[in-house]
C-alpha atoms as a PDB file:
ATOM      1  CA  MET A   1      76.852 144.589 272.834  1.00  0.00           C
ATOM      2  CA  GLY A   2      76.469 142.669 269.606  1.00  0.00           C
ATOM      3  CA  SER A   3      78.767 140.430 267.606  1.00  0.00           C
ATOM      4  CA  LEU A   4      81.972 140.858 265.656  1.00  0.00           C
ATOM      5  CA  SER A   5      80.145 140.517 262.342  1.00  0.00           C
ATOM      6  CA  GLU A   6      78.423 143.857 263.018  1.00  0.00           C
ATOM      7  CA  TYR A   7      81.812 145.596 262.732  1.00  0.00           C
ATOM      8  CA  ARG A   8      83.150 143.915 259.582  1.00  0.00           C
ATOM      9  CA  ASN A   9      82.779 147.092 257.483  1.00  0.00           C
ATOM     10  CA  TRP A  10      84.206 149.465 260.069  1.00  0.00           C
ATOM     11  CA  ASP A  11      87.547 151.159 259.641  1.00  0.00           C
ATOM     12  CA  ILE A  12      89.824 149.131 261.949  1.00  0.00           C
ATOM     13  CA  ASP A  13      93.404 150.019 262.784  1.00  0.00           C
ATOM     14  CA  TRP A  14      94.927 146.539 263.087  1.00  0.00           C
ATOM     15  CA  GLU A  15      98.337 147.961 264.035  1.00  0.00           C
ATOM     16  CA  MET A  16      97.096 150.078 266.961  1.00  0.00           C
ATOM     17  CA  THR A  17      98.123 148.904 270.413  1.00  0.00           C
ATOM     18  CA  PRO A  18      96.774 150.070 273.771  1.00  0.00           C
ATOM     19  CA  GLU A  19     100.077 151.861 274.432  1.00  0.00           C
ATOM     20  CA  ASP A  20     100.066 153.628 271.063  1.00  0.00           C
ATOM     21  CA  ALA A  21      96.443 154.710 271.547  1.00  0.00           C
ATOM     22  CA  VAL A  22      97.275 156.346 274.882  1.00  0.00           C
ATOM     23  CA  MET A  23     100.355 158.024 273.417  1.00  0.00           C
ATOM     24  CA  LEU A  24      98.455 159.412 270.437  1.00  0.00           C
ATOM     25  CA  TYR A  25      95.189 160.440 272.046  1.00  0.00           C
ATOM     26  CA  LEU A  26      96.068 161.282 275.647  1.00  0.00           C
ATOM     27  CA  GLU A  27      99.672 162.443 275.402  1.00  0.00           C
ATOM     28  CA  TRP A  28      99.519 164.618 272.307  1.00  0.00           C
ATOM     29  CA  GLY A  29     103.017 166.039 272.770  1.00  0.00           C
ATOM     30  CA  ASN A  30     104.535 162.580 273.082  1.00  0.00           C
ATOM     31  CA  HIS A  31     104.231 161.690 269.386  1.00  0.00           C
ATOM     32  CA  PRO A  32     107.600 160.645 267.901  1.00  0.00           C
ATOM     33  CA  TRP A  33     108.501 162.184 264.554  1.00  0.00           C
ATOM     34  CA  ASP A  34     109.045 158.749 262.983  1.00  0.00           C
ATOM     35  CA  SER A  35     105.775 157.217 264.214  1.00  0.00           C
ATOM     36  CA  LYS A  36     103.802 154.934 261.918  1.00  0.00           C
ATOM     37  CA  PHE A  37     100.640 156.774 263.017  1.00  0.00           C
ATOM     38  CA  THR A  38      99.341 160.124 261.826  1.00  0.00           C
ATOM     39  CA  PRO A  39      99.405 162.732 264.613  1.00  0.00           C
ATOM     40  CA  VAL A  40      96.112 163.623 266.268  1.00  0.00           C
ATOM     41  CA  THR A  41      95.137 167.157 265.293  1.00  0.00           C
ATOM     42  CA  SER A  42      91.600 167.546 266.658  1.00  0.00           C
ATOM     43  CA  LYS A  43      88.972 166.019 268.905  1.00  0.00           C
ATOM     44  CA  ASN A  44      87.336 164.610 265.771  1.00  0.00           C
ATOM     45  CA  ASP A  45      90.253 162.218 265.201  1.00  0.00           C
ATOM     46  CA  TYR A  46      89.631 158.680 266.431  1.00  0.00           C
ATOM     47  CA  THR A  47      90.776 155.110 266.034  1.00  0.00           C
ATOM     48  CA  ASN A  48      88.994 151.754 266.244  1.00  0.00           C
ATOM     49  CA  TYR A  49      91.162 148.904 267.469  1.00  0.00           C
ATOM     50  CA  PHE A  50      91.173 145.569 269.266  1.00  0.00           C
ATOM     51  CA  THR A  51      92.919 144.699 272.492  1.00  0.00           C
ATOM     52  CA  VAL A  52      93.058 141.591 274.683  1.00  0.00           C
ATOM     53  CA  TYR A  53      91.784 142.302 278.186  1.00  0.00           C
ATOM     54  CA  MET A  54      93.550 140.158 280.776  1.00  0.00           C
ATOM     55  CA  TRP A  55      92.458 141.751 284.061  1.00  0.00           C
ATOM     56  CA  ASP A  56      90.141 138.941 285.127  1.00  0.00           C
ATOM     57  CA  ASP A  57      89.975 135.158 284.803  1.00  0.00           C
ATOM     58  CA  ARG A  58      88.579 135.115 281.254  1.00  0.00           C
ATOM     59  CA  PRO A  59      90.773 136.660 278.558  1.00  0.00           C
ATOM     60  CA  ARG A  60      88.554 138.606 276.206  1.00  0.00           C
ATOM     61  CA  VAL A  61      88.778 140.780 273.158  1.00  0.00           C
ATOM     62  CA  LEU A  62      87.664 144.386 273.419  1.00  0.00           C
ATOM     63  CA  PHE A  63      86.807 146.498 270.399  1.00  0.00           C
ATOM     64  CA  VAL A  64      87.563 150.085 271.368  1.00  0.00           C
ATOM     65  CA  ARG A  65      86.930 153.469 269.788  1.00  0.00           C
ATOM     66  CA  ARG A  66      89.301 156.079 271.210  1.00  0.00           C
ATOM     67  CA  ASN A  67      89.579 159.794 270.720  1.00  0.00           C
ATOM     68  CA  SER A  68      91.169 162.467 272.883  1.00  0.00           C
ATOM     69  CA  GLU A  69      88.172 162.568 275.219  1.00  0.00           C
ATOM     70  CA  GLU A  70      87.318 158.931 275.831  1.00  0.00           C
ATOM     71  CA  ALA A  71      87.884 155.281 275.110  1.00  0.00           C
ATOM     72  CA  ARG A  72      84.532 153.673 274.374  1.00  0.00           C
ATOM     73  CA  GLU A  73      84.257 149.900 274.624  1.00  0.00           C
ATOM     74  CA  LEU A  74      82.092 148.898 271.659  1.00  0.00           C
ATOM     75  CA  LEU A  75      82.301 145.136 272.103  1.00  0.00           C
ATOM     76  CA  SER A  76      83.586 142.651 274.661  1.00  0.00           C
ATOM     77  CA  ILE A  77      83.749 138.984 273.721  1.00  0.00           C
ATOM     78  CA  ASP A  78      85.437 136.029 275.427  1.00  0.00           C
ATOM     79  CA  LEU A  79      88.204 134.303 273.533  1.00  0.00           C
ATOM     80  CA  PRO A  80      87.728 130.579 272.863  1.00  0.00           C
ATOM     81  CA  LYS A  81      89.375 128.546 275.631  1.00  0.00           C
ATOM     82  CA  ASP A  82      92.224 127.176 273.511  1.00  0.00           C
ATOM     83  CA  ILE A  83      93.178 130.593 272.111  1.00  0.00           C
ATOM     84  CA  ALA A  84      92.759 132.192 275.539  1.00  0.00           C
ATOM     85  CA  GLU A  85      95.095 129.652 277.119  1.00  0.00           C
ATOM     86  CA  ARG A  86      97.794 130.129 274.478  1.00  0.00           C
ATOM     87  CA  PHE A  87      97.505 133.901 274.785  1.00  0.00           C
ATOM     88  CA  ARG A  88      97.717 133.718 278.589  1.00  0.00           C
ATOM     89  CA  LYS A  89     100.914 131.673 278.276  1.00  0.00           C
ATOM     90  CA  SER A  90     102.368 134.128 275.745  1.00  0.00           C
ATOM     91  CA  VAL A  91     102.127 136.940 278.324  1.00  0.00           C
ATOM     92  CA  SER A  92     103.195 134.712 281.231  1.00  0.00           C
ATOM     93  CA  GLY A  93      99.761 135.032 282.824  1.00  0.00           C
ATOM     94  CA  LEU A  94     100.337 138.701 283.658  1.00  0.00           C
ATOM     95  CA  LYS A  95      97.307 140.943 283.999  1.00  0.00           C
ATOM     96  CA  GLY A  96      96.908 143.878 281.642  1.00  0.00           C
ATOM     97  CA  ASN A  97      95.625 145.077 278.280  1.00  0.00           C
ATOM     98  CA  TYR A  98      97.610 143.650 275.394  1.00  0.00           C
ATOM     99  CA  PRO A  99      97.815 144.099 271.637  1.00  0.00           C
ATOM    100  CA  ILE A 100      96.227 141.285 269.692  1.00  0.00           C
ATOM    101  CA  ASN A 101      98.569 138.698 268.201  1.00  0.00           C
ATOM    102  CA  ALA A 102      98.281 136.963 264.813  1.00  0.00           C
ATOM    103  CA  GLU A 103      96.182 134.081 266.163  1.00  0.00           C
ATOM    104  CA  VAL A 104      93.696 136.423 267.855  1.00  0.00           C
ATOM    105  CA  ARG A 105      93.467 138.603 264.756  1.00  0.00           C
ATOM    106  CA  GLU A 106      92.757 135.564 262.582  1.00  0.00           C
ATOM    107  CA  TRP A 107      90.007 134.463 264.985  1.00  0.00           C
ATOM    108  CA  ILE A 108      88.491 137.982 264.991  1.00  0.00           C
ATOM    109  CA  GLU A 109      88.503 138.152 261.189  1.00  0.00           C
ATOM    110  CA  ASN A 110      86.893 134.702 260.937  1.00  0.00           C
ATOM    111  CA  GLN A 111      84.178 135.744 263.397  1.00  0.00           C
ATOM    112  CA  MET A 112      83.574 138.970 261.478  1.00  0.00           C
ATOM    113  CA  ASN A 113      83.006 137.056 258.266  1.00  0.00           C
ATOM    114  CA  ASN A 114      80.602 134.479 259.752  1.00  0.00           C
END
């Protein structure tokens, strides 16, 4: 699947969360008037964003491209153990897909620039 450095020049929506992506791209009529995101108007609209995948034993970062037809996983990479452990504690060990936090974003940006 590659490395984070391959995506350093991509347009990344750092504010997008998994919940917001579903609302915007799968529930078109559910877009609040005061949203920080531009409404989706066609199947050509897409977003690239990161999420932390916590459904198995190893927390990992997913880089996702979503439009109204699909969510394509472009990259999956394990978090370093120390960051993974702190993230796991921050969500009380609950399984799910989570928005990245500041520490994870900093790690991603460092990896992109290496």
